[in-house]
Amino acid sequence: MFNRILLAVDESKHSYRSASYAIELAKKFNGTIDVVYVVDGQTSKEDVLHSGNKMAIEQKRKEKIKSIQELFDQTDIDFRVHILHGEPGPVIVEFANKNNFDCVVLGSRGLNNLQTMILGSVSHKVAKRVNCPVLIVK
């Protein structure tokens, strides 16, 4: 049923909890997990301005999801990590729909409460537009 799971993460505690749920789903259904971390345009600009070294930028991005990576390293679940670029909601939806996942798991809140109030949450955008079931973890 949930053989191919997409887990969308950021640096929030909600992401860590959603990763735990994704792992449990994968164990229950003998599934695989694709972990996606989306770097928005503003973050990309700041990264380039503060560090001209591409390797340093990539390492910084990997550090941001290190706790999630470590959580998966403790399991025997087959997983892949994807670092994508753009506006998180639409990028996650496009990636999910293009790759025919059975389920998307993500946290209920990310890091930016002001953006959530003004523009709506990423989880809300994903739940409205993705073509498969969505598990939003509080």
N, C-alpha and C. Protein backbone atom coordinates (compact mmCIF):
# COMPACT_ATOMS: atom_id res chain seq x y z
N MET A 1 0.81 -1.20 0.00
CA MET A 1 0.00 0.00 0.00
C MET A 1 0.86 1.27 0.00
N PHE A 2 1.77 1.40 0.96
CA PHE A 2 2.67 2.55 1.02
C PHE A 2 4.10 2.07 0.80
N ASN A 3 4.37 1.62 -0.41
CA ASN A 3 5.70 1.09 -0.73
C ASN A 3 6.71 2.19 -1.05
N ARG A 4 6.25 3.27 -1.66
CA ARG A 4 7.13 4.39 -2.01
C ARG A 4 6.66 5.62 -1.25
N ILE A 5 7.45 6.03 -0.28
CA ILE A 5 7.08 7.13 0.61
C ILE A 5 8.00 8.32 0.34
N LEU A 6 7.40 9.49 0.23
CA LEU A 6 8.17 10.72 0.12
C LEU A 6 8.09 11.44 1.46
N LEU A 7 9.24 11.75 2.03
CA LEU A 7 9.32 12.48 3.29
C LEU A 7 9.92 13.85 3.01
N ALA A 8 9.15 14.90 3.24
CA ALA A 8 9.64 16.27 3.06
C ALA A 8 10.12 16.79 4.40
N VAL A 9 11.35 17.30 4.45
CA VAL A 9 11.93 17.75 5.72
C VAL A 9 12.51 19.15 5.61
N ASP A 10 12.63 19.78 6.77
CA ASP A 10 13.40 21.01 6.92
C ASP A 10 14.17 20.82 8.23
N GLU A 11 14.51 21.87 8.89
CA GLU A 11 15.30 21.74 10.11
C GLU A 11 14.43 21.71 11.37
N SER A 12 13.13 21.64 11.24
CA SER A 12 12.24 21.76 12.39
C SER A 12 12.07 20.45 13.16
N LYS A 13 11.59 20.59 14.39
CA LYS A 13 11.30 19.41 15.20
C LYS A 13 10.14 18.61 14.60
N HIS A 14 9.26 19.29 13.89
CA HIS A 14 8.16 18.59 13.22
C HIS A 14 8.70 17.63 12.15
N SER A 15 9.77 18.02 11.49
CA SER A 15 10.38 17.15 10.48
C SER A 15 10.93 15.89 11.11
N TYR A 16 11.56 16.04 12.25
CA TYR A 16 12.13 14.88 12.93
C TYR A 16 11.01 13.91 13.32
N ARG A 17 9.92 14.44 13.84
CA ARG A 17 8.78 13.57 14.20
C ARG A 17 8.17 12.93 12.96
N SER A 18 8.07 13.70 11.87
CA SER A 18 7.49 13.13 10.65
C SER A 18 8.39 12.04 10.09
N ALA A 19 9.70 12.19 10.26
CA ALA A 19 10.64 11.15 9.82
C ALA A 19 10.39 9.85 10.58
N SER A 20 10.13 9.96 11.87
CA SER A 20 9.83 8.77 12.68
C SER A 20 8.58 8.07 12.18
N TYR A 21 7.56 8.83 11.82
CA TYR A 21 6.33 8.23 11.28
C TYR A 21 6.59 7.58 9.93
N ALA A 22 7.37 8.24 9.08
CA ALA A 22 7.69 7.68 7.76
C ALA A 22 8.43 6.35 7.92
N ILE A 23 9.34 6.30 8.87
CA ILE A 23 10.09 5.07 9.12
C ILE A 23 9.15 3.95 9.55
N GLU A 24 8.22 4.25 10.43
CA GLU A 24 7.25 3.24 10.88
C GLU A 24 6.39 2.76 9.72
N LEU A 25 5.94 3.67 8.86
CA LEU A 25 5.17 3.26 7.68
C LEU A 25 5.98 2.35 6.78
N ALA A 26 7.23 2.73 6.55
CA ALA A 26 8.09 1.93 5.68
C ALA A 26 8.32 0.54 6.27
N LYS A 27 8.50 0.46 7.56
CA LYS A 27 8.67 -0.84 8.21
C LYS A 27 7.41 -1.69 8.05
N LYS A 28 6.28 -1.07 8.27
CA LYS A 28 5.01 -1.81 8.22
C LYS A 28 4.70 -2.34 6.82
N PHE A 29 5.04 -1.55 5.80
CA PHE A 29 4.70 -1.93 4.42
C PHE A 29 5.91 -2.33 3.59
N ASN A 30 7.05 -2.56 4.26
CA ASN A 30 8.28 -2.94 3.57
C ASN A 30 8.59 -1.95 2.45
N GLY A 31 8.50 -0.66 2.78
CA GLY A 31 8.65 0.38 1.77
C GLY A 31 10.00 1.04 1.75
N THR A 32 10.16 1.93 0.79
CA THR A 32 11.35 2.75 0.67
C THR A 32 10.96 4.20 0.89
N ILE A 33 11.93 5.02 1.25
CA ILE A 33 11.65 6.42 1.52
C ILE A 33 12.60 7.30 0.73
N ASP A 34 12.03 8.30 0.08
CA ASP A 34 12.81 9.35 -0.55
C ASP A 34 12.66 10.58 0.35
N VAL A 35 13.78 11.09 0.84
CA VAL A 35 13.78 12.27 1.71
C VAL A 35 14.09 13.46 0.83
N VAL A 36 13.25 14.50 0.91
CA VAL A 36 13.48 15.69 0.11
C VAL A 36 13.61 16.91 1.02
N TYR A 37 14.66 17.68 0.76
CA TYR A 37 14.90 18.95 1.45
C TYR A 37 14.95 20.02 0.37
N VAL A 38 14.09 21.04 0.49
CA VAL A 38 14.00 22.07 -0.54
C VAL A 38 14.67 23.35 -0.04
N VAL A 39 15.60 23.84 -0.83
CA VAL A 39 16.28 25.09 -0.54
C VAL A 39 15.56 26.19 -1.31
N ASP A 40 14.98 27.16 -0.59
CA ASP A 40 14.26 28.23 -1.27
C ASP A 40 15.22 29.25 -1.88
N GLY A 41 14.70 30.11 -2.72
CA GLY A 41 15.51 31.08 -3.44
C GLY A 41 16.29 32.02 -2.54
N GLN A 42 15.66 32.51 -1.47
CA GLN A 42 16.33 33.43 -0.57
C GLN A 42 17.52 32.76 0.12
N THR A 43 17.33 31.54 0.56
CA THR A 43 18.42 30.80 1.20
C THR A 43 19.57 30.57 0.22
N SER A 44 19.23 30.24 -1.02
CA SER A 44 20.27 30.03 -2.04
C SER A 44 21.09 31.30 -2.24
N LYS A 45 20.41 32.44 -2.34
CA LYS A 45 21.11 33.71 -2.51
C LYS A 45 22.04 34.00 -1.34
N GLU A 46 21.53 33.81 -0.12
CA GLU A 46 22.34 34.06 1.06
C GLU A 46 23.54 33.13 1.12
N ASP A 47 23.34 31.88 0.76
CA ASP A 47 24.44 30.91 0.77
C ASP A 47 25.56 31.35 -0.19
N VAL A 48 25.17 31.79 -1.38
CA VAL A 48 26.16 32.21 -2.37
C VAL A 48 26.89 33.48 -1.92
N LEU A 49 26.14 34.41 -1.32
CA LEU A 49 26.76 35.65 -0.86
C LEU A 49 27.75 35.43 0.28
N HIS A 50 27.43 34.48 1.16
CA HIS A 50 28.27 34.24 2.33
C HIS A 50 29.38 33.23 2.09
N SER A 51 29.28 32.47 1.02
CA SER A 51 30.31 31.49 0.72
C SER A 51 30.35 31.25 -0.78
N GLY A 52 31.46 31.58 -1.37
CA GLY A 52 31.60 31.37 -2.81
C GLY A 52 31.97 29.94 -3.16
N ASN A 53 32.25 29.13 -2.16
CA ASN A 53 32.70 27.76 -2.35
C ASN A 53 31.50 26.82 -2.46
N LYS A 54 31.31 26.25 -3.63
CA LYS A 54 30.16 25.36 -3.87
C LYS A 54 30.16 24.15 -2.94
N MET A 55 31.34 23.60 -2.69
CA MET A 55 31.44 22.43 -1.80
C MET A 55 31.00 22.80 -0.38
N ALA A 56 31.38 23.98 0.09
CA ALA A 56 31.00 24.44 1.43
C ALA A 56 29.49 24.64 1.52
N ILE A 57 28.89 25.15 0.46
CA ILE A 57 27.44 25.35 0.43
C ILE A 57 26.72 24.00 0.51
N GLU A 58 27.16 23.04 -0.29
CA GLU A 58 26.55 21.70 -0.27
C GLU A 58 26.70 21.05 1.10
N GLN A 59 27.87 21.20 1.70
CA GLN A 59 28.10 20.62 3.03
C GLN A 59 27.18 21.26 4.08
N LYS A 60 26.99 22.58 3.97
CA LYS A 60 26.10 23.30 4.90
C LYS A 60 24.66 22.77 4.78
N ARG A 61 24.24 22.51 3.58
CA ARG A 61 22.88 22.00 3.35
C ARG A 61 22.72 20.58 3.91
N LYS A 62 23.74 19.77 3.74
CA LYS A 62 23.70 18.41 4.29
C LYS A 62 23.67 18.44 5.82
N GLU A 63 24.37 19.41 6.40
CA GLU A 63 24.39 19.55 7.86
C GLU A 63 22.99 19.86 8.40
N LYS A 64 22.21 20.60 7.62
CA LYS A 64 20.87 21.00 8.07
C LYS A 64 19.94 19.80 8.25
N ILE A 65 20.20 18.73 7.54
CA ILE A 65 19.35 17.54 7.68
C ILE A 65 20.13 16.37 8.27
N LYS A 66 21.22 16.68 8.94
CA LYS A 66 22.07 15.64 9.51
C LYS A 66 21.32 14.78 10.52
N SER A 67 20.49 15.40 11.38
CA SER A 67 19.77 14.61 12.38
C SER A 67 18.80 13.63 11.74
N ILE A 68 18.19 14.02 10.63
CA ILE A 68 17.29 13.13 9.88
C ILE A 68 18.10 11.98 9.28
N GLN A 69 19.23 12.31 8.67
CA GLN A 69 20.11 11.30 8.08
C GLN A 69 20.55 10.29 9.13
N GLU A 70 20.92 10.78 10.31
CA GLU A 70 21.36 9.89 11.39
C GLU A 70 20.23 8.97 11.84
N LEU A 71 19.01 9.48 11.86
CA LEU A 71 17.85 8.67 12.23
C LEU A 71 17.69 7.50 11.25
N PHE A 72 17.83 7.79 9.96
CA PHE A 72 17.70 6.74 8.94
C PHE A 72 18.87 5.77 8.97
N ASP A 73 20.05 6.27 9.29
CA ASP A 73 21.23 5.40 9.35
C ASP A 73 21.09 4.33 10.44
N GLN A 74 20.22 4.56 11.40
CA GLN A 74 19.99 3.59 12.48
C GLN A 74 18.98 2.51 12.09
N THR A 75 18.43 2.61 10.89
CA THR A 75 17.43 1.64 10.42
C THR A 75 18.00 0.84 9.26
N ASP A 76 17.25 -0.16 8.85
CA ASP A 76 17.63 -0.91 7.65
C ASP A 76 16.73 -0.55 6.46
N ILE A 77 16.10 0.61 6.54
CA ILE A 77 15.19 1.07 5.49
C ILE A 77 15.99 1.65 4.32
N ASP A 78 15.58 1.28 3.12
CA ASP A 78 16.19 1.82 1.92
C ASP A 78 15.70 3.26 1.74
N PHE A 79 16.64 4.20 1.70
CA PHE A 79 16.26 5.61 1.54
C PHE A 79 17.25 6.35 0.67
N ARG A 80 16.77 7.43 0.08
CA ARG A 80 17.60 8.33 -0.72
C ARG A 80 17.29 9.75 -0.30
N VAL A 81 18.29 10.61 -0.34
CA VAL A 81 18.12 12.02 0.00
C VAL A 81 18.25 12.86 -1.26
N HIS A 82 17.30 13.79 -1.44
CA HIS A 82 17.30 14.70 -2.58
C HIS A 82 17.30 16.13 -2.05
N ILE A 83 18.22 16.94 -2.50
CA ILE A 83 18.20 18.36 -2.17
C ILE A 83 17.76 19.10 -3.42
N LEU A 84 16.57 19.73 -3.31
CA LEU A 84 15.96 20.40 -4.45
C LEU A 84 15.95 21.91 -4.22
N HIS A 85 15.64 22.67 -5.25
CA HIS A 85 15.66 24.13 -5.16
C HIS A 85 14.35 24.72 -5.65
N GLY A 86 13.88 25.77 -4.95
CA GLY A 86 12.67 26.47 -5.36
C GLY A 86 11.77 26.73 -4.18
N GLU A 87 10.53 27.08 -4.47
CA GLU A 87 9.54 27.31 -3.43
C GLU A 87 9.09 25.94 -2.91
N PRO A 88 9.23 25.68 -1.60
CA PRO A 88 9.01 24.32 -1.08
C PRO A 88 7.68 23.66 -1.47
N GLY A 89 6.55 24.33 -1.31
CA GLY A 89 5.27 23.70 -1.61
C GLY A 89 5.18 23.17 -3.03
N PRO A 90 5.31 24.03 -4.02
CA PRO A 90 5.22 23.57 -5.41
C PRO A 90 6.30 22.56 -5.80
N VAL A 91 7.51 22.72 -5.27
CA VAL A 91 8.58 21.78 -5.61
C VAL A 91 8.27 20.39 -5.07
N ILE A 92 7.78 20.31 -3.85
CA ILE A 92 7.42 19.02 -3.26
C ILE A 92 6.28 18.38 -4.04
N VAL A 93 5.27 19.17 -4.39
CA VAL A 93 4.12 18.66 -5.15
C VAL A 93 4.60 18.12 -6.51
N GLU A 94 5.40 18.89 -7.21
CA GLU A 94 5.89 18.45 -8.52
C GLU A 94 6.71 17.17 -8.41
N PHE A 95 7.60 17.11 -7.44
CA PHE A 95 8.43 15.93 -7.25
C PHE A 95 7.58 14.71 -6.91
N ALA A 96 6.61 14.90 -6.02
CA ALA A 96 5.72 13.79 -5.62
C ALA A 96 4.90 13.28 -6.79
N ASN A 97 4.29 14.18 -7.52
CA ASN A 97 3.42 13.78 -8.62
C ASN A 97 4.20 13.18 -9.79
N LYS A 98 5.38 13.70 -10.04
CA LYS A 98 6.20 13.21 -11.16
C LYS A 98 6.74 11.80 -10.88
N ASN A 99 6.96 11.48 -9.62
CA ASN A 99 7.59 10.21 -9.27
C ASN A 99 6.62 9.17 -8.70
N ASN A 100 5.34 9.45 -8.75
CA ASN A 100 4.30 8.47 -8.39
C ASN A 100 4.50 7.83 -7.02
N PHE A 101 4.62 8.63 -5.99
CA PHE A 101 4.74 8.10 -4.64
C PHE A 101 3.38 7.62 -4.14
N ASP A 102 3.41 6.69 -3.20
CA ASP A 102 2.19 6.16 -2.61
C ASP A 102 1.70 7.01 -1.45
N CYS A 103 2.61 7.80 -0.86
CA CYS A 103 2.26 8.62 0.30
C CYS A 103 3.32 9.70 0.48
N VAL A 104 2.89 10.87 0.93
CA VAL A 104 3.80 11.95 1.30
C VAL A 104 3.65 12.19 2.79
N VAL A 105 4.77 12.27 3.50
CA VAL A 105 4.78 12.54 4.93
C VAL A 105 5.55 13.83 5.15
N LEU A 106 4.96 14.74 5.94
CA LEU A 106 5.64 15.98 6.27
C LEU A 106 5.10 16.55 7.56
N GLY A 107 5.85 17.45 8.15
CA GLY A 107 5.45 18.08 9.40
C GLY A 107 4.38 19.13 9.17
N SER A 108 3.65 19.43 10.24
CA SER A 108 2.56 20.39 10.13
C SER A 108 3.05 21.82 10.05
N ARG A 109 4.21 22.09 10.59
CA ARG A 109 4.77 23.43 10.56
C ARG A 109 6.23 23.36 10.23
N GLY A 110 6.70 24.33 9.48
CA GLY A 110 8.12 24.45 9.20
C GLY A 110 8.75 25.45 10.14
N LEU A 111 9.67 26.20 9.64
CA LEU A 111 10.43 27.11 10.48
C LEU A 111 9.90 28.54 10.48
N ASN A 112 9.15 28.95 9.48
CA ASN A 112 8.80 30.35 9.32
C ASN A 112 7.32 30.59 9.63
N ASN A 113 7.01 30.98 10.87
CA ASN A 113 5.62 31.21 11.28
C ASN A 113 4.98 32.40 10.57
N LEU A 114 5.74 33.46 10.31
CA LEU A 114 5.20 34.62 9.62
C LEU A 114 4.76 34.25 8.20
N GLN A 115 5.60 33.53 7.50
CA GLN A 115 5.25 33.11 6.14
C GLN A 115 4.02 32.21 6.17
N THR A 116 3.92 31.35 7.17
CA THR A 116 2.77 30.47 7.29
C THR A 116 1.48 31.27 7.44
N MET A 117 1.51 32.32 8.26
CA MET A 117 0.32 33.15 8.47
C MET A 117 -0.08 33.88 7.20
N ILE A 118 0.89 34.37 6.44
CA ILE A 118 0.60 35.19 5.28
C ILE A 118 0.29 34.35 4.04
N LEU A 119 1.11 33.35 3.77
CA LEU A 119 1.01 32.62 2.51
C LEU A 119 0.34 31.25 2.64
N GLY A 120 0.20 30.75 3.83
CA GLY A 120 -0.30 29.40 4.01
C GLY A 120 0.85 28.44 4.17
N SER A 121 0.61 27.36 4.85
CA SER A 121 1.69 26.43 5.15
C SER A 121 2.04 25.55 3.97
N VAL A 122 3.27 25.08 3.97
CA VAL A 122 3.72 24.15 2.95
C VAL A 122 2.87 22.89 3.01
N SER A 123 2.59 22.41 4.22
CA SER A 123 1.80 21.18 4.34
C SER A 123 0.41 21.35 3.73
N HIS A 124 -0.18 22.52 3.89
CA HIS A 124 -1.50 22.78 3.31
C HIS A 124 -1.41 22.77 1.78
N LYS A 125 -0.39 23.41 1.23
CA LYS A 125 -0.21 23.44 -0.23
C LYS A 125 -0.01 22.04 -0.79
N VAL A 126 0.79 21.25 -0.09
CA VAL A 126 1.05 19.89 -0.55
C VAL A 126 -0.21 19.04 -0.48
N ALA A 127 -0.92 19.11 0.64
CA ALA A 127 -2.13 18.30 0.82
C ALA A 127 -3.18 18.61 -0.24
N LYS A 128 -3.26 19.88 -0.67
CA LYS A 128 -4.26 20.27 -1.66
C LYS A 128 -3.91 19.80 -3.07
N ARG A 129 -2.62 19.65 -3.38
CA ARG A 129 -2.23 19.48 -4.78
C ARG A 129 -1.55 18.15 -5.13
N VAL A 130 -1.15 17.40 -4.15
CA VAL A 130 -0.46 16.15 -4.48
C VAL A 130 -1.48 15.07 -4.82
N ASN A 131 -1.08 14.12 -5.66
CA ASN A 131 -2.00 13.09 -6.17
C ASN A 131 -2.03 11.80 -5.34
N CYS A 132 -1.53 11.83 -4.13
CA CYS A 132 -1.55 10.63 -3.29
C CYS A 132 -1.91 11.04 -1.86
N PRO A 133 -2.13 10.07 -0.98
CA PRO A 133 -2.43 10.41 0.41
C PRO A 133 -1.27 11.18 1.05
N VAL A 134 -1.64 12.07 1.98
CA VAL A 134 -0.65 12.88 2.68
C VAL A 134 -0.83 12.70 4.18
N LEU A 135 0.27 12.42 4.87
CA LEU A 135 0.25 12.31 6.33
C LEU A 135 0.96 13.55 6.87
N ILE A 136 0.20 14.40 7.57
CA ILE A 136 0.76 15.61 8.17
C ILE A 136 0.93 15.35 9.65
N VAL A 137 2.17 15.44 10.13
CA VAL A 137 2.50 15.10 11.51
C VAL A 137 2.61 16.37 12.34
N LYS A 138 1.89 16.40 13.48
CA LYS A 138 1.94 17.56 14.37
C LYS A 138 3.10 17.44 15.32
